[in-house]
Amino acid sequence: MRLTKFAPLGLALAALAACGEASNDPTTPNTPALAYVRYINAVPDTLNTTVRFIDQVAYSPMTFVNVPFRGLGQGNYQPTQVGARKFRVFTANTADFSTAGNTVVLVDTTITFEAGKYYTLLHMGFARAGSTPRQRIVVINDNLPTPGAQIAVRAIHAALGVGTVDIYATATATSPLTGTPLFRGVATEAVSAYQNVAPGAFAAQIAAAGSTESLVAAAAPAGTSGTTAADPIGGATVAGSVISAVAFPASPANSAGARFAAPGIVYFIDRHPPRTTPNP
């Protein structure tokens, strides 16, 4: 992950006394303790969403704006001051992405973040009145591994209505389902542990638990190896990559946003491989 380094907020200059001597040495404010937070929109029946931290501006994510269904808030993990943080999720007004453009409040909650930890805010459920389960934030503590010469893969089951599934890693998205699933018996809302596998092209295929009939399949992104001029981009073929395969539901008939006729799988890079370019 490419995490932005925060520069000091400012340099306090010492006031000079009348005699010309400095009264104090320069001081630099400390950056507060930080956690790292990202947002995924798995709500299939409403407009795009925008997340606003409303307790403070400094050290709050500012880029989770107009996030589509099956989408990731811009910038992936964002540094966030630790503690009990209050935020709201709104439907996004596509004509105005400013604070004034926020419309319906979907979520109004407070979540406590701990220093140095990584979190996924998975927004799932249904927003329309009378639909169940109701939309809400599921907080996932992302204990990111360091797979070394392998890659690490996990599954997140947000595909409401699909039921408990087995997830296979196959050579292609059309390969027959044989052998042992990579993840067995994954229930709705469950998050699997990471599994280390050898780097190489693969597709995730989902079948009902105990079945070998593929319900949905998608090839993982390959990624790009690093050079001395460019850092690597995580993917199935690049050692050191950490990847989440997220299963999303189909869009219901009353969806107000993007429509997807069938469930689907989207991959998110949780951690890129180590840098290969010289540090600046």
Protein backbone atom coordinates (compact mmCIF):
# COMPACT_ATOMS: atom_id res chain seq x y z
CA MET A 1 0.00 0.00 0.00
CA ARG A 2 1.17 3.44 -0.79
CA LEU A 3 0.40 5.42 2.30
CA THR A 4 0.86 9.19 2.16
CA LYS A 5 3.46 10.56 4.54
CA PHE A 6 2.12 13.48 6.46
CA ALA A 7 4.29 16.58 6.51
CA PRO A 8 4.36 18.64 9.71
CA LEU A 9 1.43 21.01 9.95
CA GLY A 10 3.69 23.99 10.41
CA LEU A 11 6.81 25.30 12.09
CA ALA A 12 6.30 27.55 15.11
CA LEU A 13 8.89 30.32 14.90
CA ALA A 14 10.33 31.61 18.14
CA ALA A 15 9.39 35.13 19.10
CA LEU A 16 12.33 37.46 19.38
CA ALA A 17 12.79 39.44 22.57
CA ALA A 18 13.57 43.15 22.42
CA CYS A 19 17.22 42.38 23.09
CA GLY A 20 17.34 40.20 19.99
CA GLU A 21 17.59 36.83 21.79
CA ALA A 22 15.24 33.94 20.82
CA SER A 23 12.77 33.21 23.58
CA ASN A 24 12.09 29.61 22.44
CA ASP A 25 13.50 27.04 20.06
CA PRO A 26 11.43 26.11 16.99
CA THR A 27 8.92 23.33 17.68
CA THR A 28 7.11 20.90 15.39
CA PRO A 29 3.60 19.63 16.23
CA ASN A 30 3.35 15.85 16.43
CA THR A 31 1.20 13.83 14.06
CA PRO A 32 -1.48 12.04 16.16
CA ALA A 33 -1.74 8.29 16.36
CA LEU A 34 -3.31 6.96 13.16
CA ALA A 35 -5.34 4.01 11.96
CA TYR A 36 -5.93 3.21 8.27
CA VAL A 37 -9.49 2.95 6.94
CA ARG A 38 -11.16 2.13 3.63
CA TYR A 39 -14.80 1.91 2.50
CA ILE A 40 -16.49 -0.60 0.17
CA ASN A 41 -20.06 -0.08 -1.09
CA ALA A 42 -21.99 -3.37 -1.19
CA VAL A 43 -25.50 -1.83 -1.02
CA PRO A 44 -27.19 -2.94 -4.27
CA ASP A 45 -30.44 -0.94 -4.32
CA THR A 46 -29.60 2.74 -3.96
CA LEU A 47 -27.51 5.54 -5.45
CA ASN A 48 -23.76 5.92 -5.10
CA THR A 49 -22.65 6.78 -1.58
CA THR A 50 -20.41 9.36 0.12
CA VAL A 51 -18.79 9.02 3.56
CA ARG A 52 -18.25 12.12 5.72
CA PHE A 53 -16.42 12.10 9.06
CA ILE A 54 -18.32 14.79 10.94
CA ASP A 55 -16.41 15.05 14.23
CA GLN A 56 -13.29 16.76 12.82
CA VAL A 57 -11.67 17.70 9.52
CA ALA A 58 -8.00 17.06 10.29
CA TYR A 59 -6.82 13.46 9.94
CA SER A 60 -10.13 12.25 8.53
CA PRO A 61 -10.71 10.48 5.19
CA MET A 62 -11.85 13.03 2.60
CA THR A 63 -11.94 10.84 -0.50
CA PHE A 64 -14.81 8.37 0.00
CA VAL A 65 -17.00 10.37 -2.39
CA ASN A 66 -19.57 9.12 -4.93
CA VAL A 67 -18.60 5.47 -4.42
CA PRO A 68 -20.59 3.16 -6.72
CA PHE A 69 -22.09 -0.19 -5.78
CA ARG A 70 -19.25 -2.75 -5.89
CA GLY A 71 -16.78 0.14 -5.62
CA LEU A 72 -13.96 1.15 -3.28
CA GLY A 73 -13.55 4.60 -1.76
CA GLN A 74 -10.85 6.52 -3.61
CA GLY A 75 -7.34 6.04 -2.32
CA ASN A 76 -7.95 2.65 -0.68
CA TYR A 77 -6.76 2.88 2.96
CA GLN A 78 -6.77 6.42 4.32
CA PRO A 79 -4.98 7.59 7.49
CA THR A 80 -7.47 8.42 10.23
CA GLN A 81 -6.93 9.74 13.74
CA VAL A 82 -7.59 7.02 16.30
CA GLY A 83 -10.32 6.98 18.91
CA ALA A 84 -14.11 7.05 18.73
CA ARG A 85 -14.82 8.63 15.34
CA LYS A 86 -18.29 9.75 14.21
CA PHE A 87 -19.23 9.59 10.54
CA ARG A 88 -22.25 9.45 8.26
CA VAL A 89 -22.87 7.73 4.94
CA PHE A 90 -25.08 9.61 2.50
CA THR A 91 -26.54 8.90 -0.90
CA ALA A 92 -24.45 10.94 -3.33
CA ASN A 93 -25.94 13.81 -5.31
CA THR A 94 -24.21 13.37 -8.65
CA ALA A 95 -24.73 17.03 -9.49
CA ASP A 96 -22.89 18.27 -6.40
CA PHE A 97 -20.19 16.28 -4.58
CA SER A 98 -19.56 19.01 -1.99
CA THR A 99 -20.81 18.73 1.58
CA ALA A 100 -23.95 20.55 0.45
CA GLY A 101 -24.53 17.78 -2.10
CA ASN A 102 -25.04 15.12 0.56
CA THR A 103 -28.64 13.91 0.48
CA VAL A 104 -30.26 11.01 2.38
CA VAL A 105 -28.43 9.80 5.50
CA LEU A 106 -28.04 6.03 5.32
CA VAL A 107 -25.73 5.51 8.29
CA ASP A 108 -24.97 7.69 11.32
CA THR A 109 -22.56 5.91 13.65
CA THR A 110 -19.44 6.07 15.78
CA ILE A 111 -16.64 3.50 15.48
CA THR A 112 -13.48 3.28 17.56
CA PHE A 113 -10.23 2.86 15.63
CA GLU A 114 -6.97 1.71 17.21
CA ALA A 115 -3.49 2.96 16.38
CA GLY A 116 -1.62 1.18 13.61
CA LYS A 117 -4.54 -1.05 12.63
CA TYR A 118 -6.21 -1.39 9.23
CA TYR A 119 -9.98 -1.49 8.79
CA THR A 120 -12.45 -2.15 5.98
CA LEU A 121 -15.84 -0.49 6.39
CA LEU A 122 -18.07 -2.83 4.38
CA HIS A 123 -21.42 -1.16 3.73
CA MET A 124 -23.91 -3.94 2.98
CA GLY A 125 -27.61 -4.73 3.14
CA PHE A 126 -30.58 -3.04 1.46
CA ALA A 127 -31.49 0.65 1.63
CA ARG A 128 -35.08 0.48 0.31
CA ALA A 129 -37.95 0.47 2.83
CA GLY A 130 -39.27 -3.01 3.56
CA SER A 131 -36.13 -4.80 2.32
CA THR A 132 -34.14 -7.04 4.63
CA PRO A 133 -31.51 -7.18 5.92
CA ARG A 134 -31.25 -3.41 6.42
CA GLN A 135 -28.12 -1.64 5.22
CA ARG A 136 -25.40 -1.12 7.84
CA ILE A 137 -21.64 -0.92 8.29
CA VAL A 138 -19.76 -4.15 8.92
CA VAL A 139 -16.33 -3.39 10.43
CA ILE A 140 -13.57 -5.76 9.31
CA ASN A 141 -10.24 -5.74 11.14
CA ASP A 142 -7.70 -6.31 8.38
CA ASN A 143 -4.77 -8.23 9.84
CA LEU A 144 -2.65 -7.93 6.72
CA PRO A 145 -0.08 -10.69 6.23
CA THR A 146 3.33 -10.45 4.58
CA PRO A 147 3.34 -13.44 2.20
CA GLY A 148 6.95 -13.08 1.03
CA ALA A 149 7.52 -15.19 -2.09
CA GLN A 150 3.83 -16.17 -2.21
CA ILE A 151 0.59 -14.20 -2.48
CA ALA A 152 -2.13 -14.05 0.18
CA VAL A 153 -5.81 -14.27 -0.76
CA ARG A 154 -9.00 -14.08 1.30
CA ALA A 155 -12.74 -14.08 0.56
CA ILE A 156 -15.41 -11.68 1.80
CA HIS A 157 -18.98 -12.91 1.27
CA ALA A 158 -21.27 -9.89 0.78
CA ALA A 159 -23.53 -11.58 -1.80
CA LEU A 160 -26.87 -11.42 0.00
CA GLY A 161 -29.31 -14.11 -1.09
CA VAL A 162 -26.67 -16.52 -2.35
CA GLY A 163 -26.30 -18.55 0.86
CA THR A 164 -23.28 -20.42 2.17
CA VAL A 165 -20.72 -21.10 -0.54
CA ASP A 166 -17.51 -22.89 -1.40
CA ILE A 167 -14.91 -20.84 -3.25
CA TYR A 168 -12.50 -22.46 -5.68
CA ALA A 169 -9.31 -21.09 -7.21
CA THR A 170 -9.13 -22.40 -10.78
CA ALA A 171 -6.87 -21.81 -13.76
CA THR A 172 -9.53 -19.87 -15.67
CA ALA A 173 -13.05 -18.58 -15.05
CA THR A 174 -14.47 -21.52 -17.05
CA SER A 175 -12.40 -24.36 -15.60
CA PRO A 176 -14.43 -27.24 -14.09
CA LEU A 177 -14.70 -27.25 -10.30
CA THR A 178 -12.74 -30.20 -8.96
CA GLY A 179 -10.70 -30.99 -5.90
CA THR A 180 -10.78 -29.11 -2.61
CA PRO A 181 -12.16 -25.56 -2.43
CA LEU A 182 -9.72 -22.84 -1.39
CA PHE A 183 -12.40 -21.65 1.07
CA ARG A 184 -15.07 -24.07 2.24
CA GLY A 185 -18.45 -23.21 3.79
CA VAL A 186 -18.22 -19.41 3.70
CA ALA A 187 -21.45 -17.96 5.11
CA THR A 188 -23.02 -14.65 4.14
CA GLU A 189 -21.18 -11.74 5.84
CA ALA A 190 -18.24 -14.03 6.68
CA VAL A 191 -14.62 -13.06 6.08
CA SER A 192 -12.20 -15.94 5.53
CA ALA A 193 -8.66 -16.07 6.83
CA TYR A 194 -5.93 -15.30 4.33
CA GLN A 195 -4.50 -18.28 2.45
CA ASN A 196 -0.97 -18.21 1.01
CA VAL A 197 -0.71 -19.60 -2.51
CA ALA A 198 1.98 -19.60 -5.17
CA PRO A 199 1.93 -16.60 -7.53
CA GLY A 200 0.17 -17.31 -10.79
CA ALA A 201 -2.95 -16.52 -12.78
CA PHE A 202 -6.17 -17.78 -11.22
CA ALA A 203 -9.91 -17.22 -11.16
CA ALA A 204 -12.22 -17.41 -8.16
CA GLN A 205 -15.36 -19.45 -8.71
CA ILE A 206 -18.25 -19.65 -6.27
CA ALA A 207 -20.54 -22.64 -5.85
CA ALA A 208 -23.25 -23.45 -3.33
CA ALA A 209 -21.72 -25.30 -0.39
CA GLY A 210 -21.13 -28.93 -1.37
CA SER A 211 -21.83 -28.29 -5.08
CA THR A 212 -19.48 -28.16 -8.06
CA GLU A 213 -21.77 -26.00 -10.19
CA SER A 214 -20.22 -22.57 -10.64
CA LEU A 215 -22.56 -19.69 -9.78
CA VAL A 216 -20.17 -16.83 -10.52
CA ALA A 217 -16.55 -16.55 -11.58
CA ALA A 218 -13.97 -13.85 -12.22
CA ALA A 219 -10.27 -13.87 -13.07
CA ALA A 220 -7.96 -12.11 -10.62
CA PRO A 221 -5.95 -9.12 -11.85
CA ALA A 222 -2.45 -10.14 -12.87
CA GLY A 223 -0.60 -7.20 -11.35
CA THR A 224 2.70 -5.75 -12.58
CA SER A 225 6.19 -6.62 -11.41
CA GLY A 226 8.32 -3.80 -10.06
CA THR A 227 11.42 -2.30 -11.62
CA THR A 228 14.00 0.23 -10.48
CA ALA A 229 11.85 2.88 -12.19
CA ALA A 230 8.36 1.77 -11.04
CA ASP A 231 7.03 0.06 -7.93
CA PRO A 232 5.06 -3.19 -8.34
CA ILE A 233 1.29 -3.26 -8.59
CA GLY A 234 -0.27 -6.10 -6.62
CA GLY A 235 -1.94 -8.98 -8.39
CA ALA A 236 -2.12 -12.74 -8.77
CA THR A 237 1.24 -13.11 -10.52
CA VAL A 238 3.30 -10.79 -8.32
CA ALA A 239 4.81 -12.26 -5.15
CA GLY A 240 4.09 -10.33 -1.97
CA SER A 241 0.58 -9.26 -3.04
CA VAL A 242 -2.31 -9.40 -0.55
CA ILE A 243 -5.74 -9.65 -2.20
CA SER A 244 -9.40 -9.73 -1.13
CA ALA A 245 -11.98 -11.35 -3.43
CA VAL A 246 -15.35 -9.84 -2.52
CA ALA A 247 -18.60 -11.50 -3.61
CA PHE A 248 -21.39 -8.98 -4.29
CA PRO A 249 -25.13 -9.56 -4.81
CA ALA A 250 -27.12 -8.88 -7.96
CA SER A 251 -29.08 -5.65 -8.14
CA PRO A 252 -32.77 -5.97 -7.22
CA ALA A 253 -35.45 -4.79 -9.62
CA ASN A 254 -36.04 -1.62 -7.58
CA SER A 255 -32.39 -0.55 -7.65
CA ALA A 256 -31.87 3.20 -8.09
CA GLY A 257 -28.19 2.88 -8.99
CA ALA A 258 -26.01 0.76 -11.25
CA ARG A 259 -27.70 -2.50 -12.26
CA PHE A 260 -26.03 -5.90 -12.16
CA ALA A 261 -28.19 -8.80 -13.29
CA ALA A 262 -26.15 -11.45 -11.48
CA PRO A 263 -23.87 -11.75 -8.44
CA GLY A 264 -20.26 -10.87 -9.08
CA ILE A 265 -16.72 -10.98 -7.72
CA VAL A 266 -14.48 -7.92 -7.45
CA TYR A 267 -10.84 -8.01 -6.33
CA PHE A 268 -9.26 -5.40 -4.08
CA ILE A 269 -5.53 -5.11 -3.42
CA ASP A 270 -5.07 -5.00 0.35
CA ARG A 271 -1.29 -4.68 0.23
CA HIS A 272 1.06 -4.17 -2.69
CA PRO A 273 4.41 -5.98 -2.80
CA PRO A 274 7.46 -4.19 -1.34
CA ARG A 275 8.74 -1.17 -3.23
CA THR A 276 11.46 -1.63 -5.84
CA THR A 277 12.30 2.01 -6.52
CA PRO A 278 14.82 3.89 -4.39
CA ASN A 279 13.36 5.85 -1.51
CA PRO A 280 13.15 9.57 -2.30
